[in-house]
Structure formats: C-alpha cells, structure tokens
Amino acid sequence: MQHNQSLSKINKNLLWLNSNAKHAIELKETFSFPAYDESIREKIKGTYKVYCYKHCMIALYFEFVMSLMRMFDNYEDTASFKTLFSYLSDDFISYYETESHRKIKSEIKLALNDYNKLNGSHLVARLKTVRHNMFAHTSMKFNKKQIAEYGYAEKLLDKTLPVLNKLNLIIRGESEPFDKLSAKWKLYAVEFWQSIINNS
C-alpha cells in the first residue's frame, strides 16, 4: 500500500513537471520572437505601443522564469525535481524493479546526477535570484551582478527537458514530444506577433 501511494505521488509529481515544462515552452516561444526580432520594435518605435510592448515582454519573461523555477523549487510538497527524487528512494526502486521486472536504479542515478549539475549551475542560481529578489519580493538589496541575462531561461529550459524526458522514460515508459510542441508554438507566436506588426 505504501509503495502504491509513493507511485501515485511520483506520477502526480511527474505530470506537474511535464505541465510546467509545456507551459514554459509556450512562454519561451511567445517571448523569444519579439525579444530577439528587431522588426517589431522598429515597427512600433516612436508610438505609444512601445509601452504596451514593454509590459507584455516583462510579463511573459516573468511567467517564463516562474514556470521554470517551479521545477527547481526546494519547498516541501511542491511538484519539483527535488520532491520527485525524494519519492524515488532505494526501497521504492527495489519494489518497482521487482514489480515491473525492469532495472531502473542506474538510470535514476544518472538522471539525479544530471539534475544536480543543472541545479548547481549558474543558470538556476541567477534565475532564482531574479525570481526571489526582483519579481517575488522586489528586494531593496538586489545585487546587479547576480542578475540573469536574456537567454539564461531559454538555455536552462533546453537543458532541463532532456532530464525530464529521461525520467518520463524511466517511470512512464514514454517521453513527451517537447520538440514538436516547441515547433508548433513557435509558429503560433510568429503568427500572433506578425498580426500585431501588420495592424500597427
């Protein structure tokens, strides 16, 4: 019974991680085109639309960072990598291997190593600083040297998705089509922003 409860929690946690990853992909693609393509800024330069553009970009980036950072949270009872790995105890893995007739211990260890490298990276540290000090708490002691640059969130997401899909394959036996979602959403985003340009 205890192992069944653990498996239920693992699957639920993994579903939330996948959901956050998909949301982060959608936000990344919606943000990336107008952030890096000069044509939109050129088209609205000198108009009041610049202010709306700026607020839209800040809001998209904020939600993108928040969605991504949820996956790296250390808080108890949050759907995060840390929580997922806490359920994947040696005892549970032994039970799972016996029940499923699959060896997963070494694969879990590799996924944990990949996660630990990412979690200890400057990308996570800088984005957490941005979330905690700038967005979440508007700290008056914000250290400008620790600010994340545009591109950090995108790089972290690109490195996070393979780790997540490694866990999807181990636990669920199938990976998520994150690449297809990214390509599809990129088309949506370009169409959306182009319509704004054309109506300017």
N, C-alpha and C. Protein backbone atom coordinates (compact mmCIF):
# COMPACT_ATOMS: atom_id res chain seq x y z
N MET A 1 0.82 -1.21 0.00
CA MET A 1 0.00 0.00 0.00
C MET A 1 0.86 1.27 0.00
N GLN A 2 1.91 1.25 0.84
CA GLN A 2 2.81 2.40 0.93
C GLN A 2 3.49 2.67 -0.41
N HIS A 3 3.92 1.60 -1.08
CA HIS A 3 4.57 1.76 -2.38
C HIS A 3 3.59 2.25 -3.45
N ASN A 4 2.35 1.80 -3.36
CA ASN A 4 1.33 2.29 -4.31
C ASN A 4 1.09 3.78 -4.12
N GLN A 5 1.10 4.22 -2.87
CA GLN A 5 0.94 5.65 -2.60
C GLN A 5 2.13 6.44 -3.14
N SER A 6 3.33 5.87 -2.96
CA SER A 6 4.53 6.53 -3.48
C SER A 6 4.47 6.63 -5.00
N LEU A 7 4.04 5.55 -5.66
CA LEU A 7 3.93 5.56 -7.12
C LEU A 7 2.92 6.59 -7.59
N SER A 8 1.82 6.71 -6.86
CA SER A 8 0.80 7.71 -7.19
C SER A 8 1.38 9.12 -7.07
N LYS A 9 2.15 9.37 -6.01
CA LYS A 9 2.78 10.69 -5.81
C LYS A 9 3.83 10.97 -6.88
N ILE A 10 4.58 9.94 -7.25
CA ILE A 10 5.60 10.09 -8.29
C ILE A 10 4.95 10.46 -9.62
N ASN A 11 3.89 9.73 -9.98
CA ASN A 11 3.20 10.02 -11.24
C ASN A 11 2.57 11.40 -11.24
N LYS A 12 1.99 11.78 -10.11
CA LYS A 12 1.37 13.11 -10.00
C LYS A 12 2.42 14.20 -10.12
N ASN A 13 3.55 14.00 -9.44
CA ASN A 13 4.64 14.98 -9.48
C ASN A 13 5.19 15.10 -10.90
N LEU A 14 5.32 13.97 -11.58
CA LEU A 14 5.84 13.96 -12.94
C LEU A 14 4.88 14.66 -13.90
N LEU A 15 3.58 14.47 -13.70
CA LEU A 15 2.58 15.16 -14.52
C LEU A 15 2.67 16.67 -14.35
N TRP A 16 2.88 17.11 -13.10
CA TRP A 16 3.03 18.55 -12.84
C TRP A 16 4.30 19.10 -13.47
N LEU A 17 5.39 18.34 -13.37
CA LEU A 17 6.64 18.77 -14.01
C LEU A 17 6.46 18.90 -15.51
N ASN A 18 5.78 17.91 -16.12
CA ASN A 18 5.52 17.97 -17.56
C ASN A 18 4.65 19.17 -17.91
N SER A 19 3.66 19.44 -17.07
CA SER A 19 2.78 20.58 -17.30
C SER A 19 3.54 21.90 -17.22
N ASN A 20 4.40 22.03 -16.22
CA ASN A 20 5.22 23.24 -16.10
C ASN A 20 6.17 23.38 -17.28
N ALA A 21 6.74 22.26 -17.72
CA ALA A 21 7.65 22.30 -18.86
C ALA A 21 6.92 22.76 -20.12
N LYS A 22 5.72 22.24 -20.35
CA LYS A 22 4.94 22.63 -21.53
C LYS A 22 4.58 24.11 -21.47
N HIS A 23 4.19 24.57 -20.29
CA HIS A 23 3.85 25.99 -20.13
C HIS A 23 5.08 26.85 -20.38
N ALA A 24 6.22 26.41 -19.87
CA ALA A 24 7.47 27.16 -20.07
C ALA A 24 7.84 27.21 -21.55
N ILE A 25 7.62 26.12 -22.28
CA ILE A 25 7.90 26.10 -23.72
C ILE A 25 7.01 27.11 -24.45
N GLU A 26 5.73 27.12 -24.13
CA GLU A 26 4.80 28.06 -24.76
C GLU A 26 5.21 29.51 -24.48
N LEU A 27 5.59 29.77 -23.24
CA LEU A 27 6.02 31.12 -22.87
C LEU A 27 7.33 31.49 -23.55
N LYS A 28 8.25 30.53 -23.61
CA LYS A 28 9.54 30.78 -24.26
C LYS A 28 9.34 31.18 -25.71
N GLU A 29 8.53 30.44 -26.43
CA GLU A 29 8.31 30.73 -27.85
C GLU A 29 7.55 32.05 -28.04
N THR A 30 6.59 32.33 -27.17
CA THR A 30 5.84 33.58 -27.26
C THR A 30 6.73 34.77 -26.98
N PHE A 31 7.70 34.58 -26.09
CA PHE A 31 8.62 35.64 -25.70
C PHE A 31 9.78 35.81 -26.69
N SER A 32 10.31 34.70 -27.18
CA SER A 32 11.56 34.74 -27.95
C SER A 32 11.47 35.53 -29.25
N PHE A 33 10.40 35.32 -30.01
CA PHE A 33 10.31 36.02 -31.30
C PHE A 33 10.33 37.54 -31.14
N PRO A 34 9.47 38.13 -30.32
CA PRO A 34 9.52 39.59 -30.19
C PRO A 34 10.75 40.10 -29.43
N ALA A 35 11.34 39.26 -28.58
CA ALA A 35 12.51 39.69 -27.82
C ALA A 35 13.74 39.81 -28.69
N TYR A 36 13.86 38.92 -29.67
CA TYR A 36 15.09 38.88 -30.46
C TYR A 36 14.92 39.35 -31.90
N ASP A 37 13.68 39.55 -32.34
CA ASP A 37 13.44 40.02 -33.70
C ASP A 37 13.24 41.53 -33.67
N GLU A 38 14.11 42.24 -34.34
CA GLU A 38 14.09 43.71 -34.32
C GLU A 38 12.88 44.31 -35.04
N SER A 39 12.25 43.55 -35.92
CA SER A 39 11.20 44.12 -36.77
C SER A 39 10.04 44.69 -35.97
N ILE A 40 9.68 44.04 -34.88
CA ILE A 40 8.54 44.53 -34.08
C ILE A 40 8.88 45.87 -33.45
N ARG A 41 10.06 45.95 -32.85
CA ARG A 41 10.45 47.21 -32.20
C ARG A 41 10.57 48.34 -33.21
N GLU A 42 11.10 48.01 -34.39
CA GLU A 42 11.23 49.03 -35.43
C GLU A 42 9.86 49.55 -35.88
N LYS A 43 8.93 48.63 -35.98
CA LYS A 43 7.59 48.98 -36.48
C LYS A 43 6.84 49.90 -35.51
N ILE A 44 7.04 49.68 -34.19
CA ILE A 44 6.26 50.46 -33.21
C ILE A 44 7.07 51.59 -32.57
N LYS A 45 8.35 51.73 -33.00
CA LYS A 45 9.20 52.77 -32.43
C LYS A 45 8.55 54.15 -32.59
N GLY A 46 8.56 54.92 -31.50
CA GLY A 46 8.00 56.27 -31.55
C GLY A 46 6.50 56.33 -31.34
N THR A 47 5.87 55.19 -31.06
CA THR A 47 4.43 55.18 -30.79
C THR A 47 4.19 54.79 -29.33
N TYR A 48 2.95 54.98 -28.89
CA TYR A 48 2.60 54.58 -27.52
C TYR A 48 2.58 53.06 -27.35
N LYS A 49 2.56 52.35 -28.47
CA LYS A 49 2.54 50.88 -28.41
C LYS A 49 3.82 50.32 -27.78
N VAL A 50 4.88 51.13 -27.77
CA VAL A 50 6.15 50.70 -27.16
C VAL A 50 5.93 50.34 -25.69
N TYR A 51 5.09 51.12 -25.00
CA TYR A 51 4.85 50.88 -23.58
C TYR A 51 4.12 49.55 -23.36
N CYS A 52 3.12 49.28 -24.19
CA CYS A 52 2.41 48.00 -24.09
C CYS A 52 3.33 46.83 -24.42
N TYR A 53 4.16 47.03 -25.46
CA TYR A 53 5.13 46.01 -25.84
C TYR A 53 6.04 45.69 -24.66
N LYS A 54 6.56 46.73 -24.02
CA LYS A 54 7.48 46.55 -22.90
C LYS A 54 6.80 45.77 -21.76
N HIS A 55 5.58 46.14 -21.43
CA HIS A 55 4.86 45.45 -20.35
C HIS A 55 4.57 43.99 -20.72
N CYS A 56 4.21 43.76 -21.98
CA CYS A 56 3.96 42.39 -22.43
C CYS A 56 5.22 41.54 -22.30
N MET A 57 6.35 42.10 -22.70
CA MET A 57 7.61 41.36 -22.66
C MET A 57 8.01 41.05 -21.21
N ILE A 58 7.87 42.00 -20.33
CA ILE A 58 8.21 41.78 -18.91
C ILE A 58 7.30 40.71 -18.32
N ALA A 59 6.00 40.79 -18.64
CA ALA A 59 5.04 39.81 -18.10
C ALA A 59 5.35 38.40 -18.63
N LEU A 60 5.65 38.29 -19.91
CA LEU A 60 5.99 36.99 -20.50
C LEU A 60 7.26 36.42 -19.87
N TYR A 61 8.28 37.27 -19.74
CA TYR A 61 9.55 36.80 -19.17
C TYR A 61 9.36 36.38 -17.71
N PHE A 62 8.59 37.18 -16.97
CA PHE A 62 8.32 36.87 -15.56
C PHE A 62 7.65 35.50 -15.43
N GLU A 63 6.61 35.26 -16.20
CA GLU A 63 5.89 33.99 -16.11
C GLU A 63 6.76 32.84 -16.61
N PHE A 64 7.58 33.10 -17.60
CA PHE A 64 8.51 32.09 -18.10
C PHE A 64 9.48 31.66 -17.00
N VAL A 65 10.10 32.65 -16.34
CA VAL A 65 11.04 32.36 -15.24
C VAL A 65 10.33 31.64 -14.10
N MET A 66 9.14 32.10 -13.74
CA MET A 66 8.39 31.48 -12.64
C MET A 66 8.05 30.02 -12.95
N SER A 67 7.59 29.75 -14.16
CA SER A 67 7.24 28.37 -14.55
C SER A 67 8.45 27.46 -14.50
N LEU A 68 9.57 27.97 -14.98
CA LEU A 68 10.81 27.19 -14.99
C LEU A 68 11.33 26.96 -13.59
N MET A 69 11.30 27.99 -12.76
CA MET A 69 11.85 27.89 -11.40
C MET A 69 11.00 27.00 -10.50
N ARG A 70 9.71 26.87 -10.79
CA ARG A 70 8.88 25.95 -10.01
C ARG A 70 9.44 24.53 -10.06
N MET A 71 10.01 24.19 -11.19
CA MET A 71 10.56 22.85 -11.36
C MET A 71 11.80 22.62 -10.49
N PHE A 72 12.47 23.71 -10.10
CA PHE A 72 13.69 23.63 -9.30
C PHE A 72 13.47 24.08 -7.86
N ASP A 73 12.21 24.17 -7.45
CA ASP A 73 11.90 24.58 -6.07
C ASP A 73 12.42 23.57 -5.06
N ASN A 74 12.74 24.08 -3.88
CA ASN A 74 13.20 23.23 -2.78
C ASN A 74 12.15 23.13 -1.68
N TYR A 75 10.99 23.74 -1.91
CA TYR A 75 9.97 23.75 -0.88
C TYR A 75 9.30 22.38 -0.76
N GLU A 76 8.93 22.04 0.46
CA GLU A 76 8.27 20.76 0.72
C GLU A 76 6.90 20.73 0.05
N ASP A 77 6.51 19.57 -0.42
CA ASP A 77 5.19 19.36 -1.02
C ASP A 77 4.95 20.22 -2.27
N THR A 78 6.01 20.52 -3.00
CA THR A 78 5.84 21.18 -4.29
C THR A 78 6.17 20.18 -5.39
N ALA A 79 5.55 20.34 -6.53
CA ALA A 79 5.84 19.45 -7.66
C ALA A 79 7.13 19.92 -8.30
N SER A 80 8.24 19.31 -7.92
CA SER A 80 9.56 19.71 -8.39
C SER A 80 10.44 18.48 -8.55
N PHE A 81 11.58 18.69 -9.17
CA PHE A 81 12.54 17.59 -9.30
C PHE A 81 12.96 17.07 -7.93
N LYS A 82 13.21 17.99 -7.00
CA LYS A 82 13.66 17.57 -5.67
C LYS A 82 12.63 16.67 -5.00
N THR A 83 11.37 17.04 -5.08
CA THR A 83 10.30 16.23 -4.48
C THR A 83 10.21 14.87 -5.17
N LEU A 84 10.30 14.88 -6.50
CA LEU A 84 10.23 13.62 -7.25
C LEU A 84 11.35 12.67 -6.83
N PHE A 85 12.57 13.19 -6.75
CA PHE A 85 13.70 12.33 -6.37
C PHE A 85 13.58 11.85 -4.92
N SER A 86 12.92 12.63 -4.08
CA SER A 86 12.75 12.19 -2.68
C SER A 86 11.83 10.97 -2.59
N TYR A 87 10.87 10.86 -3.53
CA TYR A 87 9.99 9.68 -3.57
C TYR A 87 10.70 8.46 -4.15
N LEU A 88 11.74 8.70 -4.95
CA LEU A 88 12.45 7.61 -5.61
C LEU A 88 13.54 7.06 -4.69
N SER A 89 13.12 6.58 -3.55
CA SER A 89 14.04 6.02 -2.55
C SER A 89 14.55 4.66 -3.01
N ASP A 90 15.62 4.20 -2.38
CA ASP A 90 16.15 2.87 -2.70
C ASP A 90 15.10 1.79 -2.47
N ASP A 91 14.34 1.96 -1.40
CA ASP A 91 13.28 1.00 -1.07
C ASP A 91 12.22 0.96 -2.16
N PHE A 92 11.80 2.14 -2.61
CA PHE A 92 10.79 2.19 -3.67
C PHE A 92 11.34 1.61 -4.97
N ILE A 93 12.58 1.95 -5.31
CA ILE A 93 13.18 1.46 -6.55
C ILE A 93 13.25 -0.07 -6.55
N SER A 94 13.63 -0.66 -5.41
CA SER A 94 13.67 -2.13 -5.30
C SER A 94 12.29 -2.73 -5.55
N TYR A 95 11.27 -2.11 -4.93
CA TYR A 95 9.89 -2.57 -5.13
C TYR A 95 9.50 -2.45 -6.60
N TYR A 96 9.78 -1.30 -7.19
CA TYR A 96 9.40 -1.03 -8.58
C TYR A 96 10.09 -2.02 -9.53
N GLU A 97 11.37 -2.27 -9.30
CA GLU A 97 12.11 -3.20 -10.16
C GLU A 97 11.53 -4.61 -10.08
N THR A 98 11.14 -5.01 -8.87
CA THR A 98 10.55 -6.34 -8.67
C THR A 98 9.20 -6.45 -9.38
N GLU A 99 8.37 -5.43 -9.20
CA GLU A 99 7.02 -5.44 -9.78
C GLU A 99 7.03 -5.31 -11.30
N SER A 100 7.89 -4.46 -11.81
CA SER A 100 7.88 -4.17 -13.25
C SER A 100 8.86 -5.04 -14.05
N HIS A 101 9.73 -5.76 -13.34
CA HIS A 101 10.77 -6.57 -13.99
C HIS A 101 11.66 -5.71 -14.89
N ARG A 102 11.89 -4.48 -14.42
CA ARG A 102 12.76 -3.54 -15.14
C ARG A 102 13.82 -3.02 -14.17
N LYS A 103 15.04 -2.88 -14.65
CA LYS A 103 16.11 -2.31 -13.84
C LYS A 103 16.16 -0.81 -14.10
N ILE A 104 15.94 -0.02 -13.05
CA ILE A 104 15.91 1.44 -13.23
C ILE A 104 16.88 2.17 -12.30
N LYS A 105 17.50 1.46 -11.37
CA LYS A 105 18.33 2.12 -10.35
C LYS A 105 19.45 2.95 -10.97
N SER A 106 20.19 2.39 -11.91
CA SER A 106 21.31 3.12 -12.52
C SER A 106 20.80 4.30 -13.36
N GLU A 107 19.63 4.12 -14.02
CA GLU A 107 19.06 5.21 -14.82
C GLU A 107 18.61 6.36 -13.93
N ILE A 108 18.02 6.02 -12.77
CA ILE A 108 17.60 7.05 -11.81
C ILE A 108 18.83 7.82 -11.31
N LYS A 109 19.90 7.09 -11.04
CA LYS A 109 21.14 7.71 -10.56
C LYS A 109 21.69 8.68 -11.60
N LEU A 110 21.68 8.29 -12.88
CA LEU A 110 22.15 9.17 -13.95
C LEU A 110 21.27 10.42 -14.06
N ALA A 111 19.96 10.24 -13.98
CA ALA A 111 19.03 11.38 -14.04
C ALA A 111 19.26 12.32 -12.85
N LEU A 112 19.50 11.75 -11.67
CA LEU A 112 19.76 12.55 -10.48
C LEU A 112 21.06 13.34 -10.64
N ASN A 113 22.08 12.71 -11.21
CA ASN A 113 23.35 13.42 -11.46
C ASN A 113 23.15 14.59 -12.42
N ASP A 114 22.37 14.35 -13.49
CA ASP A 114 22.08 15.41 -14.46
C ASP A 114 21.34 16.56 -13.79
N TYR A 115 20.35 16.21 -12.96
CA TYR A 115 19.59 17.23 -12.24
C TYR A 115 20.50 18.02 -11.29
N ASN A 116 21.34 17.33 -10.53
CA ASN A 116 22.23 18.01 -9.58
C ASN A 116 23.17 18.98 -10.27
N LYS A 117 23.67 18.60 -11.45
CA LYS A 117 24.53 19.51 -12.23
C LYS A 117 23.77 20.77 -12.62
N LEU A 118 22.55 20.56 -13.11
CA LEU A 118 21.73 21.71 -13.50
C LEU A 118 21.37 22.58 -12.30
N ASN A 119 20.95 21.92 -11.22
CA ASN A 119 20.52 22.66 -10.03
C ASN A 119 21.66 23.47 -9.42
N GLY A 120 22.88 23.00 -9.61
CA GLY A 120 24.04 23.72 -9.08
C GLY A 120 24.64 24.70 -10.07
N SER A 121 24.02 24.84 -11.22
CA SER A 121 24.58 25.71 -12.27
C SER A 121 24.28 27.18 -12.02
N HIS A 122 25.06 28.04 -12.71
CA HIS A 122 24.84 29.48 -12.59
C HIS A 122 23.49 29.88 -13.19
N LEU A 123 22.98 29.08 -14.13
CA LEU A 123 21.68 29.41 -14.74
C LEU A 123 20.57 29.38 -13.70
N VAL A 124 20.52 28.31 -12.90
CA VAL A 124 19.50 28.20 -11.86
C VAL A 124 19.71 29.27 -10.80
N ALA A 125 20.97 29.46 -10.38
CA ALA A 125 21.27 30.44 -9.33
C ALA A 125 20.85 31.84 -9.74
N ARG A 126 21.17 32.23 -10.96
CA ARG A 126 20.84 33.59 -11.42
C ARG A 126 19.34 33.78 -11.57
N LEU A 127 18.67 32.78 -12.13
CA LEU A 127 17.22 32.90 -12.32
C LEU A 127 16.47 32.88 -11.00
N LYS A 128 16.96 32.11 -10.02
CA LYS A 128 16.34 32.14 -8.69
C LYS A 128 16.53 33.50 -8.04
N THR A 129 17.69 34.11 -8.25
CA THR A 129 17.94 35.45 -7.72
C THR A 129 16.95 36.44 -8.31
N VAL A 130 16.75 36.33 -9.62
CA VAL A 130 15.79 37.22 -10.29
C VAL A 130 14.39 37.00 -9.73
N ARG A 131 14.00 35.74 -9.59
CA ARG A 131 12.65 35.45 -9.08
C ARG A 131 12.47 35.96 -7.65
N HIS A 132 13.40 35.60 -6.78
CA HIS A 132 13.25 35.96 -5.37
C HIS A 132 13.39 37.46 -5.12
N ASN A 133 14.44 38.03 -5.68
CA ASN A 133 14.76 39.42 -5.32
C ASN A 133 14.08 40.47 -6.18
N MET A 134 13.83 40.13 -7.43
CA MET A 134 13.28 41.15 -8.31
C MET A 134 11.78 41.00 -8.49
N PHE A 135 11.34 39.80 -8.86
CA PHE A 135 9.93 39.61 -9.15
C PHE A 135 9.10 39.36 -7.90
N ALA A 136 9.55 38.42 -7.07
CA ALA A 136 8.70 37.98 -5.96
C ALA A 136 8.72 38.95 -4.78
N HIS A 137 9.88 39.50 -4.47
CA HIS A 137 9.97 40.30 -3.24
C HIS A 137 10.40 41.74 -3.47
N THR A 138 10.77 42.09 -4.68
CA THR A 138 11.29 43.43 -5.00
C THR A 138 12.27 43.91 -3.93
N SER A 139 13.32 43.14 -3.77
CA SER A 139 14.33 43.42 -2.76
C SER A 139 15.00 44.77 -3.00
N MET A 140 15.25 45.48 -1.91
CA MET A 140 15.96 46.76 -2.00
C MET A 140 17.47 46.53 -1.98
N LYS A 141 17.89 45.28 -1.74
CA LYS A 141 19.31 44.96 -1.71
C LYS A 141 19.66 44.06 -2.89
N PHE A 142 19.06 44.34 -4.01
CA PHE A 142 19.25 43.50 -5.19
C PHE A 142 20.68 43.65 -5.72
N ASN A 143 21.36 42.54 -5.92
CA ASN A 143 22.73 42.53 -6.41
C ASN A 143 22.74 42.47 -7.93
N LYS A 144 23.07 43.58 -8.56
CA LYS A 144 23.04 43.67 -10.03
C LYS A 144 23.97 42.64 -10.68
N LYS A 145 25.03 42.23 -9.96
CA LYS A 145 25.97 41.28 -10.52
C LYS A 145 25.37 39.88 -10.64
N GLN A 146 24.29 39.63 -9.92
CA GLN A 146 23.66 38.30 -9.93
C GLN A 146 22.47 38.21 -10.88
N ILE A 147 22.22 39.29 -11.62
CA ILE A 147 21.04 39.29 -12.48
C ILE A 147 21.23 38.33 -13.66
N ALA A 148 20.16 37.66 -14.01
CA ALA A 148 20.19 36.76 -15.17
C ALA A 148 20.03 37.57 -16.44
N GLU A 149 20.68 37.14 -17.47
CA GLU A 149 20.57 37.81 -18.76
C GLU A 149 19.51 37.11 -19.60
N TYR A 150 18.97 37.85 -20.60
CA TYR A 150 18.09 37.19 -21.56
C TYR A 150 18.88 36.04 -22.17
N GLY A 151 18.25 34.92 -22.29
CA GLY A 151 18.91 33.74 -22.83
C GLY A 151 19.16 32.69 -21.77
N TYR A 152 19.31 33.10 -20.49
CA TYR A 152 19.55 32.14 -19.42
C TYR A 152 18.37 31.18 -19.26
N ALA A 153 17.17 31.73 -19.26
CA ALA A 153 15.98 30.90 -19.08
C ALA A 153 15.83 29.91 -20.24
N GLU A 154 16.09 30.39 -21.45
CA GLU A 154 15.99 29.53 -22.61
C GLU A 154 17.01 28.39 -22.53
N LYS A 155 18.25 28.73 -22.13
CA LYS A 155 19.30 27.71 -22.01
C LYS A 155 18.95 26.69 -20.94
N LEU A 156 18.43 27.19 -19.81
CA LEU A 156 18.08 26.26 -18.73
C LEU A 156 16.95 25.33 -19.16
N LEU A 157 15.95 25.87 -19.84
CA LEU A 157 14.85 25.03 -20.31
C LEU A 157 15.36 23.97 -21.28
N ASP A 158 16.24 24.37 -22.20
CA ASP A 158 16.79 23.42 -23.17
C ASP A 158 17.56 22.29 -22.49
N LYS A 159 18.21 22.59 -21.36
CA LYS A 159 18.96 21.56 -20.64
C LYS A 159 18.08 20.76 -19.69
N THR A 160 16.94 21.33 -19.31
CA THR A 160 16.04 20.67 -18.37
C THR A 160 15.18 19.61 -19.05
N LEU A 161 14.73 19.89 -20.25
CA LEU A 161 13.81 18.97 -20.95
C LEU A 161 14.38 17.56 -21.14
N PRO A 162 15.65 17.40 -21.51
CA PRO A 162 16.18 16.02 -21.62
C PRO A 162 16.20 15.28 -20.29
N VAL A 163 16.47 15.99 -19.19
CA VAL A 163 16.46 15.36 -17.86
C VAL A 163 15.04 14.90 -17.53
N LEU A 164 14.08 15.77 -17.80
CA LEU A 164 12.69 15.44 -17.54
C LEU A 164 12.24 14.26 -18.39
N ASN A 165 12.63 14.25 -19.65
CA ASN A 165 12.22 13.13 -20.51
C ASN A 165 12.93 11.83 -20.16
N LYS A 166 14.12 11.94 -19.59
CA LYS A 166 14.80 10.74 -19.08
C LYS A 166 13.94 10.11 -17.98
N LEU A 167 13.39 10.97 -17.10
CA LEU A 167 12.53 10.49 -16.01
C LEU A 167 11.19 9.98 -16.55
N ASN A 168 10.66 10.63 -17.56
CA ASN A 168 9.42 10.15 -18.19
C ASN A 168 9.61 8.74 -18.75
N LEU A 169 10.73 8.52 -19.42
CA LEU A 169 11.00 7.20 -19.99
C LEU A 169 11.17 6.15 -18.90
N ILE A 170 11.89 6.51 -17.83
CA ILE A 170 12.14 5.55 -16.75
C ILE A 170 10.83 5.17 -16.06
N ILE A 171 10.02 6.18 -15.73
CA ILE A 171 8.84 5.94 -14.90
C ILE A 171 7.60 5.59 -15.72
N ARG A 172 7.36 6.33 -16.79
CA ARG A 172 6.14 6.13 -17.57
C ARG A 172 6.34 5.28 -18.81
N GLY A 173 7.61 5.08 -19.20
CA GLY A 173 7.89 4.27 -20.38
C GLY A 173 7.73 5.00 -21.69
N GLU A 174 7.54 6.33 -21.63
CA GLU A 174 7.43 7.13 -22.85
C GLU A 174 7.87 8.56 -22.56
N SER A 175 8.37 9.21 -23.59
CA SER A 175 8.82 10.59 -23.43
C SER A 175 7.75 11.55 -23.95
N GLU A 176 7.88 12.81 -23.56
CA GLU A 176 6.95 13.85 -24.02
C GLU A 176 7.50 14.48 -25.30
N PRO A 177 6.64 14.82 -26.26
CA PRO A 177 7.09 15.42 -27.52
C PRO A 177 7.35 16.92 -27.38
N PHE A 178 8.29 17.28 -26.52
CA PHE A 178 8.56 18.70 -26.25
C PHE A 178 9.03 19.44 -27.50
N ASP A 179 9.81 18.78 -28.36
CA ASP A 179 10.31 19.42 -29.59
C ASP A 179 9.15 19.80 -30.52
N LYS A 180 8.19 18.90 -30.63
CA LYS A 180 7.04 19.18 -31.50
C LYS A 180 6.21 20.34 -30.96
N LEU A 181 6.02 20.36 -29.64
CA LEU A 181 5.28 21.47 -29.02
C LEU A 181 6.00 22.78 -29.26
N SER A 182 7.31 22.78 -29.11
CA SER A 182 8.11 23.99 -29.32
C SER A 182 7.98 24.50 -30.75
N ALA A 183 8.08 23.60 -31.71
CA ALA A 183 7.98 23.98 -33.13
C ALA A 183 6.59 24.51 -33.45
N LYS A 184 5.57 23.85 -32.91
CA LYS A 184 4.18 24.28 -33.16
C LYS A 184 3.94 25.65 -32.54
N TRP A 185 4.39 25.82 -31.29
CA TRP A 185 4.14 27.08 -30.60
C TRP A 185 4.92 28.24 -31.21
N LYS A 186 6.07 27.93 -31.78
CA LYS A 186 6.86 28.97 -32.47
C LYS A 186 6.05 29.54 -33.63
N LEU A 187 5.37 28.66 -34.36
CA LEU A 187 4.53 29.11 -35.48
C LEU A 187 3.38 29.98 -34.96
N TYR A 188 2.74 29.56 -33.86
CA TYR A 188 1.67 30.35 -33.27
C TYR A 188 2.17 31.74 -32.88
N ALA A 189 3.33 31.76 -32.24
CA ALA A 189 3.89 33.02 -31.73
C ALA A 189 4.23 33.97 -32.87
N VAL A 190 4.87 33.45 -33.91
CA VAL A 190 5.22 34.30 -35.05
C VAL A 190 3.96 34.85 -35.69
N GLU A 191 2.95 34.01 -35.87
CA GLU A 191 1.68 34.46 -36.47
C GLU A 191 1.03 35.54 -35.61
N PHE A 192 1.03 35.33 -34.28
CA PHE A 192 0.43 36.29 -33.35
C PHE A 192 1.13 37.64 -33.42
N TRP A 193 2.46 37.64 -33.31
CA TRP A 193 3.21 38.90 -33.30
C TRP A 193 3.20 39.57 -34.67
N GLN A 194 3.20 38.76 -35.73
CA GLN A 194 3.14 39.36 -37.08
C GLN A 194 1.82 40.07 -37.28
N SER A 195 0.74 39.53 -36.71
CA SER A 195 -0.55 40.20 -36.85
C SER A 195 -0.53 41.54 -36.13
N ILE A 196 0.19 41.63 -35.02
CA ILE A 196 0.32 42.91 -34.31
C ILE A 196 1.12 43.89 -35.17
N ILE A 197 2.20 43.41 -35.79
CA ILE A 197 3.01 44.27 -36.66
C ILE A 197 2.16 44.78 -37.82
N ASN A 198 1.43 43.89 -38.46
CA ASN A 198 0.64 44.25 -39.64
C ASN A 198 -0.50 45.21 -39.31
N ASN A 199 -0.96 45.17 -38.06
CA ASN A 199 -2.05 46.08 -37.67
C ASN A 199 -1.55 47.36 -37.02
N SER A 200 -0.23 47.53 -36.99
CA SER A 200 0.34 48.75 -36.38
C SER A 200 0.27 49.91 -37.35
